[in-house]
Protein backbone atom coordinates (compact mmCIF):
# COMPACT_ATOMS: atom_id res chain seq x y z
CA MET A 1 -16.66 -15.17 5.27
CA VAL A 2 -13.80 -15.92 7.67
CA SER A 3 -12.81 -14.65 11.07
CA LYS A 4 -10.28 -11.86 11.36
CA ALA A 5 -8.58 -13.82 14.18
CA PHE A 6 -5.50 -14.39 12.00
CA GLN A 7 -4.91 -10.69 11.33
CA VAL A 8 -2.26 -8.48 12.91
CA ALA A 9 -0.87 -5.06 12.01
CA ALA A 10 1.68 -6.25 9.44
CA THR A 11 2.95 -9.63 8.38
CA VAL A 12 5.53 -10.68 5.89
CA LEU A 13 5.35 -14.07 4.22
CA ALA A 14 8.16 -15.85 2.37
CA LEU A 15 7.04 -18.04 -0.52
CA ALA A 16 3.59 -18.53 0.98
CA VAL A 17 1.37 -17.69 -1.96
CA ASP A 18 1.46 -19.59 -5.23
CA ILE A 19 0.43 -17.38 -8.17
CA VAL A 20 -1.13 -19.20 -11.11
CA SER A 21 -1.95 -17.17 -14.20
CA GLY A 22 -5.18 -18.19 -15.92
CA GLN A 23 -6.70 -16.89 -19.15
CA THR A 24 -8.36 -13.86 -17.57
CA CYS A 25 -7.84 -14.34 -13.82
CA SER A 26 -4.75 -14.74 -11.68
CA GLU A 27 -5.18 -17.15 -8.77
CA PHE A 28 -3.66 -16.94 -5.31
CA ARG A 29 -3.66 -20.13 -3.25
CA ASN A 30 -4.31 -20.16 0.52
CA VAL A 31 -5.47 -16.52 0.50
CA ASP A 32 -8.89 -14.98 1.12
CA PHE A 33 -9.61 -11.33 0.42
CA ASP A 34 -11.97 -10.33 3.22
CA GLY A 35 -15.43 -8.82 2.62
CA TYR A 36 -17.13 -7.22 -0.41
CA ASP A 37 -19.17 -10.36 -1.31
CA ILE A 38 -21.83 -9.66 -3.94
CA SER A 39 -22.91 -13.17 -4.93
CA THR A 40 -22.11 -16.86 -4.54
CA THR A 41 -22.03 -19.84 -6.91
CA ASN A 42 -21.37 -23.52 -6.27
CA ARG A 43 -18.38 -24.86 -8.20
CA ALA A 44 -16.23 -27.96 -7.81
CA ASN A 45 -13.19 -26.20 -9.26
CA PRO A 46 -11.88 -22.71 -8.34
CA THR A 47 -10.99 -21.87 -11.96
CA GLU A 48 -14.72 -21.99 -12.78
CA CYS A 49 -15.19 -18.97 -10.49
CA CYS A 50 -13.36 -16.77 -13.00
CA ALA A 51 -16.08 -17.29 -15.63
CA ASP A 52 -18.77 -16.58 -13.00
CA CYS A 53 -17.01 -13.35 -12.06
CA GLU A 54 -16.69 -12.30 -15.73
CA ILE A 55 -20.47 -12.46 -16.24
CA THR A 56 -21.45 -10.93 -12.88
CA PRO A 57 -21.87 -7.12 -12.91
CA ASN A 58 -19.35 -5.30 -10.68
CA CYS A 59 -17.36 -8.49 -9.95
CA LYS A 60 -13.63 -7.78 -9.74
CA LEU A 61 -12.35 -10.83 -7.86
CA TYR A 62 -13.45 -14.01 -6.13
CA ASN A 63 -12.62 -16.42 -3.36
CA TRP A 64 -13.28 -20.16 -3.71
CA PHE A 65 -13.50 -22.27 -0.58
CA ASP A 66 -15.11 -25.66 0.04
CA GLY A 67 -16.97 -25.71 -3.30
CA VAL A 68 -18.35 -22.17 -3.11
CA CYS A 69 -17.27 -19.15 -5.18
CA TYR A 70 -17.64 -15.88 -3.27
CA LEU A 71 -17.80 -13.19 -5.95
CA LYS A 72 -16.53 -9.80 -4.78
CA SER A 73 -16.80 -6.18 -5.89
CA ALA A 74 -13.53 -5.02 -4.28
CA GLN A 75 -10.38 -6.35 -2.67
CA GLY A 76 -10.39 -6.43 1.11
CA SER A 77 -7.50 -7.30 3.39
CA SER A 78 -5.58 -10.54 2.78
CA ILE A 79 -6.22 -13.42 5.14
CA LEU A 80 -4.30 -16.70 5.17
CA LEU A 81 -6.89 -19.46 4.60
CA PRO A 82 -5.43 -22.91 3.82
CA GLY A 83 -7.34 -24.56 0.97
CA ALA A 84 -8.80 -21.32 -0.35
CA VAL A 85 -8.12 -19.96 -3.84
CA SER A 86 -8.68 -16.29 -4.63
CA GLY A 87 -8.62 -14.83 -8.12
CA ILE A 88 -8.49 -11.35 -9.58
CA LEU A 89 -10.28 -10.75 -12.87
CA GLY A 90 -8.09 -9.62 -15.77
CA MET A 91 -4.95 -9.52 -13.66
CA ALA A 92 -1.61 -10.82 -14.89
CA SER A 93 0.54 -10.10 -11.83
CA ALA A 94 0.43 -10.00 -8.03
CA PRO A 95 -2.41 -8.14 -6.26
CA THR A 96 -1.91 -4.70 -4.77
CA THR A 97 -1.66 -6.25 -1.30
CA SER A 98 1.30 -8.39 -2.35
CA LYS A 99 4.41 -6.28 -2.90
CA PRO A 100 7.54 -8.15 -4.07
CA ILE A 101 10.52 -7.22 -1.90
CA HIS A 102 13.00 -9.87 -3.05
CA SER A 103 13.07 -12.66 -5.57
CA THR A 104 11.69 -15.08 -2.98
CA CYS A 105 9.73 -12.92 -0.53
CA SER A 106 6.43 -11.02 -0.71
CA ILE A 107 4.60 -8.86 1.79
CA LEU A 108 1.01 -9.78 2.64
CA PRO A 109 -0.38 -7.21 5.07
CA ASP A 110 -2.78 -8.29 7.81
CA VAL A 111 -1.89 -12.00 7.73
CA ASP A 112 -0.51 -13.88 10.74
CA LEU A 113 0.97 -17.38 10.53
CA ASP A 114 0.30 -19.20 13.79
CA GLY A 115 3.00 -21.43 15.32
CA GLY A 116 6.12 -22.91 13.77
CA ASP A 117 8.47 -20.34 15.33
CA ILE A 118 12.16 -21.25 15.01
CA GLY A 119 13.74 -17.93 15.92
CA ALA A 120 13.40 -14.17 15.99
CA THR A 121 15.42 -11.22 14.74
CA TYR A 122 14.93 -7.49 15.15
CA GLN A 123 14.42 -5.31 12.09
CA SER A 124 12.80 -1.89 11.81
CA ASP A 125 11.88 -2.62 8.16
CA PRO A 126 9.91 -5.84 7.41
CA ALA A 127 11.71 -6.17 4.06
CA ASN A 128 14.92 -6.99 5.95
CA CYS A 129 13.31 -10.13 7.44
CA CYS A 130 13.65 -11.86 4.07
CA ALA A 131 17.46 -12.03 4.32
CA ASP A 132 17.19 -13.23 7.92
CA CYS A 133 14.83 -16.03 6.88
CA LYS A 134 16.99 -17.05 3.91
CA SER A 135 20.07 -17.29 6.15
CA THR A 136 18.28 -19.39 8.82
CA LEU A 137 18.25 -23.14 8.25
CA GLY A 138 14.69 -24.44 7.91
CA CYS A 139 13.03 -21.02 7.59
CA LYS A 140 10.18 -21.04 5.08
CA ALA A 141 8.15 -18.00 6.16
CA TYR A 142 8.14 -15.17 8.63
CA ASN A 143 5.85 -12.70 10.36
CA TRP A 144 6.95 -9.16 11.13
CA PHE A 145 5.26 -7.24 13.92
CA ASP A 146 6.41 -4.23 15.90
CA GLY A 147 10.08 -4.53 14.89
CA VAL A 148 10.40 -8.30 15.37
CA CYS A 149 10.80 -10.89 12.58
CA TYR A 150 9.28 -14.19 13.76
CA LEU A 151 11.00 -16.87 11.66
CA LYS A 152 8.84 -19.93 10.85
CA ASN A 153 9.57 -23.48 9.73
CA ALA A 154 6.25 -23.83 7.89
CA ARG A 155 3.97 -21.67 5.80
């Protein structure tokens, strides 16, 4: 559905994904899970995609973007897609690609935030970028790649 142009080896995001628990689906804003599309439906509201996924055989999750629900059989890599809403059927917590590392930071592999750089630090472990971001005025997110934390002023 979307280009993989935003993907790099590993990226860490601070506070970039809002998780909203629904009745049977958890929603993740500004995230697309790449690939595994099995069907589409047209819906004005992303929460309506959950019901479509529930009644579609083999549907495990969905992505809603621009009025279209992309129903999916499996979870692909995470891609930052502003305006998108992805949901996982029957899930009450974060997806397997989002691993909490601190009370305000989560790892989203294969996502790159373009621009907004306000500084850089060097860390061998991406989890250590969270403290660097929290201690840098104006830092709202960060990317980690090849030992460098790229601190960002926007998500």
